[in-house]
Every structure is written in C-alpha cells, then in structure tokens.
Protein backbone atom coordinates (compact mmCIF):
# COMPACT_ATOMS: atom_id res chain seq x y z
CA UNK A 1 19.33 5.03 11.46
CA UNK A 2 16.74 2.40 12.89
CA UNK A 3 13.61 1.77 11.49
CA UNK A 4 11.69 3.29 14.57
CA UNK A 5 13.76 6.19 14.75
CA UNK A 6 12.78 6.98 11.17
CA UNK A 7 9.40 6.45 11.97
CA UNK A 8 9.37 9.09 14.96
CA UNK A 9 11.23 11.54 12.91
CA UNK A 10 9.04 11.36 9.98
CA UNK A 11 5.48 10.33 11.01
CA UNK A 12 4.70 13.22 13.46
CA UNK A 13 4.65 15.54 10.55
CA UNK A 14 1.67 13.61 8.78
CA UNK A 15 1.38 12.59 5.24
CA UNK A 16 2.46 16.01 3.50
CA UNK A 17 6.00 15.60 4.95
CA UNK A 18 6.36 12.36 3.30
CA UNK A 19 6.15 13.39 -0.18
CA UNK A 20 8.30 11.98 -2.85
CA UNK A 21 8.57 8.69 -4.34
CA UNK A 22 11.28 6.25 -2.86
CA UNK A 23 12.77 5.86 -6.20
CA UNK A 24 12.05 5.50 -9.89
CA UNK A 25 12.35 2.43 -11.90
CA UNK A 26 15.61 1.19 -13.16
CA UNK A 27 15.31 -0.06 -16.96
CA UNK A 28 15.47 -3.93 -17.12
CA UNK A 29 15.18 -6.72 -14.38
CA UNK A 30 17.01 -6.28 -11.42
CA UNK A 31 19.89 -8.53 -10.24
CA UNK A 32 21.18 -7.15 -7.15
CA UNK A 33 18.74 -8.97 -4.85
CA UNK A 34 17.46 -12.31 -5.99
CA UNK A 35 14.17 -12.08 -4.35
CA UNK A 36 12.89 -9.22 -6.53
CA UNK A 37 12.74 -8.34 -10.33
CA UNK A 38 13.11 -4.88 -10.16
CA UNK A 39 16.67 -3.23 -9.77
CA UNK A 40 17.33 -0.99 -6.57
CA UNK A 41 15.29 2.28 -6.57
CA UNK A 42 17.09 5.80 -6.79
CA UNK A 43 17.38 7.19 -3.31
CA UNK A 44 19.03 9.47 -1.11
CA UNK A 45 22.75 8.75 -0.90
CA UNK A 46 23.11 6.13 2.03
CA UNK A 47 19.55 5.42 2.52
CA UNK A 48 18.98 1.56 2.62
CA UNK A 49 15.53 -0.36 2.65
CA UNK A 50 16.38 -1.28 6.30
CA UNK A 51 16.45 2.46 7.28
CA UNK A 52 12.93 2.72 6.31
CA UNK A 53 10.18 2.02 9.09
CA UNK A 54 8.03 -0.07 6.52
CA UNK A 55 9.14 -2.73 4.30
CA UNK A 56 10.78 -1.46 1.13
CA UNK A 57 12.66 -2.80 -1.89
CA UNK A 58 13.86 -6.25 -1.38
CA UNK A 59 12.30 -6.69 1.96
CA UNK A 60 9.45 -9.30 2.94
CA UNK A 61 6.05 -8.11 3.98
CA UNK A 62 4.99 -9.01 7.50
CA UNK A 63 3.39 -12.38 8.28
CA UNK A 64 0.01 -11.02 9.12
CA UNK A 65 -3.43 -12.34 8.24
CA UNK A 66 -6.13 -9.57 7.76
CA UNK A 67 -9.92 -10.09 7.43
CA UNK A 68 -11.59 -8.98 4.04
CA UNK A 69 -13.92 -5.88 4.56
CA UNK A 70 -16.76 -6.80 2.03
CA UNK A 71 -16.90 -10.62 2.65
CA UNK A 72 -16.30 -13.32 5.01
CA UNK A 73 -12.72 -14.75 5.28
CA UNK A 74 -9.19 -13.30 5.45
CA UNK A 75 -5.84 -13.08 3.72
CA UNK A 76 -2.33 -13.95 4.66
CA UNK A 77 -0.46 -11.06 2.94
CA UNK A 78 2.64 -12.90 2.73
CA UNK A 79 0.92 -15.66 0.68
CA UNK A 80 -0.90 -13.85 -2.03
CA UNK A 81 -0.07 -15.06 -5.09
CA UNK A 82 1.23 -12.94 -8.03
CA UNK A 83 2.08 -9.20 -7.84
CA UNK A 84 -0.32 -7.16 -5.79
CA UNK A 85 -0.45 -3.71 -4.13
CA UNK A 86 -1.16 -2.39 -0.56
CA UNK A 87 -1.85 0.90 0.53
CA UNK A 88 -2.98 2.23 3.96
CA UNK A 89 -5.94 4.48 4.44
CA UNK A 90 -9.04 5.54 5.92
CA UNK A 91 -12.56 6.24 4.28
CA UNK A 92 -13.25 9.49 5.98
CA UNK A 93 -9.98 10.89 4.75
CA UNK A 94 -10.54 13.97 2.60
CA UNK A 95 -6.68 14.69 1.50
CA UNK A 96 -4.42 11.95 0.38
CA UNK A 97 -6.45 8.76 0.81
CA UNK A 98 -8.65 9.48 -1.89
CA UNK A 99 -5.36 10.03 -4.24
CA UNK A 100 -3.89 6.62 -3.19
CA UNK A 101 -7.06 4.87 -3.71
CA UNK A 102 -7.48 6.70 -7.02
CA UNK A 103 -4.10 5.64 -8.29
CA UNK A 104 -4.62 2.03 -7.49
CA UNK A 105 -7.96 2.15 -9.23
CA UNK A 106 -6.21 3.43 -12.40
CA UNK A 107 -3.83 0.40 -12.18
CA UNK A 108 -6.96 -1.74 -11.72
CA UNK A 109 -8.68 -0.32 -14.87
CA UNK A 110 -5.58 -0.76 -16.86
CA UNK A 111 -5.46 -4.32 -15.65
CA UNK A 112 -9.00 -4.98 -16.80
CA UNK A 113 -8.69 -3.16 -19.97
CA UNK A 114 -5.67 -5.05 -20.96
CA UNK A 115 -6.72 -8.37 -20.08
CA UNK A 116 -4.53 -9.26 -17.18
CA UNK A 117 -6.88 -8.70 -14.05
CA UNK A 118 -6.33 -12.32 -13.10
CA UNK A 119 -2.48 -11.42 -12.70
CA UNK A 120 -2.59 -8.65 -10.37
CA UNK A 121 -4.70 -7.96 -7.16
CA UNK A 122 -5.10 -4.88 -4.72
CA UNK A 123 -5.36 -4.84 -1.07
CA UNK A 124 -6.05 -1.43 0.61
CA UNK A 125 -5.70 -1.87 4.27
CA UNK A 126 -7.86 0.23 6.57
CA UNK A 127 -6.41 1.51 9.80
CA UNK A 128 -9.89 2.91 11.17
CA UNK A 129 -12.01 -0.09 11.57
CA UNK A 130 -14.25 1.66 14.03
CA UNK A 131 -15.83 3.33 11.04
CA UNK A 132 -14.70 1.58 7.87
CA UNK A 133 -17.41 -1.19 7.84
CA UNK A 134 -18.78 -2.96 4.78
CA UNK A 135 -21.19 0.00 3.94
CA UNK A 136 -18.21 2.39 4.16
CA UNK A 137 -16.00 0.51 1.79
CA UNK A 138 -19.09 0.07 -0.54
CA UNK A 139 -19.62 3.75 -0.36
CA UNK A 140 -15.83 4.32 -1.08
CA UNK A 141 -15.92 2.00 -4.05
CA UNK A 142 -18.82 3.78 -5.38
CA UNK A 143 -17.32 7.08 -4.97
CA UNK A 144 -13.88 6.35 -6.22
CA UNK A 145 -15.11 3.94 -9.27
CA UNK A 146 -13.41 0.96 -7.99
CA UNK A 147 -14.65 -2.15 -9.82
CA UNK A 148 -15.39 -4.71 -6.83
CA UNK A 149 -16.58 -7.07 -9.07
CA UNK A 150 -13.54 -7.50 -11.23
CA UNK A 151 -12.46 -10.06 -8.88
CA UNK A 152 -8.95 -8.38 -7.96
CA UNK A 153 -9.95 -5.88 -5.40
CA UNK A 154 -10.19 -6.65 -1.61
CA UNK A 155 -10.78 -3.86 1.06
CA UNK A 156 -8.94 -5.29 4.19
CA UNK A 157 -10.27 -4.40 7.75
CA UNK A 158 -8.32 -5.40 10.88
CA UNK A 159 -10.54 -6.63 13.67
CA UNK A 160 -10.49 -3.61 16.01
CA UNK A 161 -8.43 -0.68 16.94
CA UNK A 162 -5.66 -2.71 18.69
CA UNK A 163 -5.40 -5.10 15.55
CA UNK A 164 -5.25 -1.99 13.31
CA UNK A 165 -2.55 -0.71 15.69
CA UNK A 166 -0.69 -4.17 15.61
CA UNK A 167 -0.72 -4.81 11.73
CA UNK A 168 -0.42 -1.24 10.33
CA UNK A 169 1.83 0.29 12.69
CA UNK A 170 3.82 -2.47 14.49
CA UNK A 171 4.05 -4.89 11.69
CA UNK A 172 4.18 -3.04 8.49
CA UNK A 173 5.57 0.09 10.10
CA UNK A 174 3.18 2.46 8.65
CA UNK A 175 2.50 5.42 10.81
CA UNK A 176 -0.80 6.76 11.74
CA UNK A 177 -2.01 8.99 14.63
CA UNK A 178 -5.80 10.03 15.31
CA UNK A 179 -6.21 13.79 15.46
CA UNK A 180 -9.25 15.98 16.83
CA UNK A 181 -11.06 18.03 13.78
CA UNK A 182 -12.79 20.48 15.66
CA UNK A 183 -16.41 19.69 15.73
CA UNK A 184 -16.18 17.43 12.81
CA UNK A 185 -15.11 13.68 12.63
CA UNK A 186 -11.70 12.75 13.87
CA UNK A 187 -9.09 12.39 11.16
CA UNK A 188 -5.56 10.80 10.99
CA UNK A 189 -2.15 12.04 10.35
CA UNK A 190 -0.48 9.06 8.64
CA UNK A 191 2.40 8.02 6.11
CA UNK A 192 1.45 7.84 2.63
CA UNK A 193 2.74 4.60 1.04
CA UNK A 194 1.81 2.19 -1.59
CA UNK A 195 3.68 -1.12 -1.88
CA UNK A 196 4.09 -3.19 -4.83
CA UNK A 197 4.65 -6.83 -3.78
CA UNK A 198 5.66 -9.69 -5.75
CA UNK A 199 4.17 -13.36 -5.67
CA UNK A 200 6.88 -14.37 -3.09
CA UNK A 201 6.06 -11.42 -0.57
CA UNK A 202 8.78 -9.29 -1.41
CA UNK A 203 8.41 -5.36 -1.92
CA UNK A 204 9.42 -4.46 -5.45
CA UNK A 205 8.89 -0.72 -5.08
CA UNK A 206 7.44 1.51 -2.10
CA UNK A 207 6.00 4.61 -3.39
CA UNK A 208 6.14 7.33 -0.96
CA UNK A 209 4.27 10.59 -1.15
CA UNK A 210 0.95 12.11 -1.76
CA UNK A 211 1.05 11.87 -5.66
CA UNK A 212 1.87 8.37 -6.82
CA UNK A 213 2.27 7.95 -10.38
CA UNK A 214 -0.07 5.39 -11.76
CA UNK A 215 2.04 5.20 -14.99
CA UNK A 216 5.17 4.36 -13.20
CA UNK A 217 3.19 1.82 -11.22
CA UNK A 218 1.86 0.25 -14.29
CA UNK A 219 5.36 0.22 -15.90
CA UNK A 220 6.77 -1.54 -13.15
CA UNK A 221 4.05 -3.72 -12.70
CA UNK A 222 4.49 -4.89 -16.27
CA UNK A 223 8.24 -5.72 -15.56
CA UNK A 224 7.40 -7.81 -12.49
CA UNK A 225 4.97 -9.81 -14.36
CA UNK A 226 7.09 -10.28 -17.22
CA UNK A 227 9.75 -11.74 -14.53
CA UNK A 228 7.21 -14.34 -13.18
CA UNK A 229 6.22 -15.67 -16.61
C-alpha cells in the first residue's frame, strides 16, 4: 500500500475514524533502526512506516521551514535541536484539536515541573492560517493554559492557504479537508496525529487517534532524552 492510497482511504472519514495509537512503547532503547532510540512500535501485522501517509517510526520529517505564529522568524523543522513534538490543528476546532493541544500541554507542564523544559520543545502547526493569526494563538494558549513564556512552545503558521496545503498535506502527509458547518464557521475533517521527533529529525513515535496518552508520551520522551545524553 502506498502512502497516498492510505491517505485517501483513511482521510475522508475524518479524525474519528483514525482513532488508536500507532503503537505502544517497547521497554528499553531500540536497536532495529540506528536513527531512533525507541524500538519499533506494535502495529497491525504487515503495516510498515512506509505504508503511512505521514512520517512514522524511523522516518525523517520533511525538510520544510514554517513561520512562527507569535513572533518574527521561522523554524526549519528538520533542524530542531533535541526531542520535540508536532501536531496539526486549527484553533476553531471544537472536537479533537483541544485534546491534542491539551496532551502536549501536559507534557510541557511535566517538563517545566521536572526541570527539563530546555531539553524538549513543542511545535503545533496550524492548517488554517486564514483565521489562525497571533491573536487566535494567544487566545488558544490562554484557554488551554499553555505556557508560551516557558521558552519551549511555538505555534507555527504557514504563510497562506496554499503553503498550509503544501506543508501539512503534501510534505507531512497529514490530511485535512475544509467542511461547511451550516450557518457557523467552517470546520475541517483531518487526521489526528502527534509526532515525537528526535534531535536528528527522525520520528520516534507517531501517536494516532483522538485520545493521545500523555503518560505514554512522557515515558517515551524520557527514553529518547536518556539516549541523547
């Protein structure tokens, strides 16, 4: 199965049909792939990272640069130092996006409380730049209790709708599709995924579904951090 075939089959059903984590952690450090610290995740028999539309275990994130949403400048995602997380969202979402942001926030809180905030970073990427401006990101941070002053959280905002399509869909392989919402603001059906990426730009874990487990994410992050010491 190629990546685009999987995308077409899974994406059109929206986020709810993509529930379930790609796989749980395997104790200890992985040795099946020299580019990652974590072992290969448990998955459906025969399913490989190359079958998924987005970068998964052992694969490198795309070579893209995305502007910051709350300040000047941009980041080349493949060159981010140290372990970091990505998710893909829009601030007007009233279903899964708050859950994804909340999970990342809990990991951020843990990093601050345990004194390793400077060793991990968070880069949620919006695919709705028409509405997700700096004011929307500040409101999102306030509502979700995200600590943007901790120095390890950056909302990312592609420069326009075509760039959002190129970066999120074409490069990361994360499906999103605009949908009418009656008389209300438009919404999106989209893939729900969180990526844990190491400091070399390789994905350690791709957490799929609408209920990412922050405890598992923290445990996986601990092993990735230990491997980089």
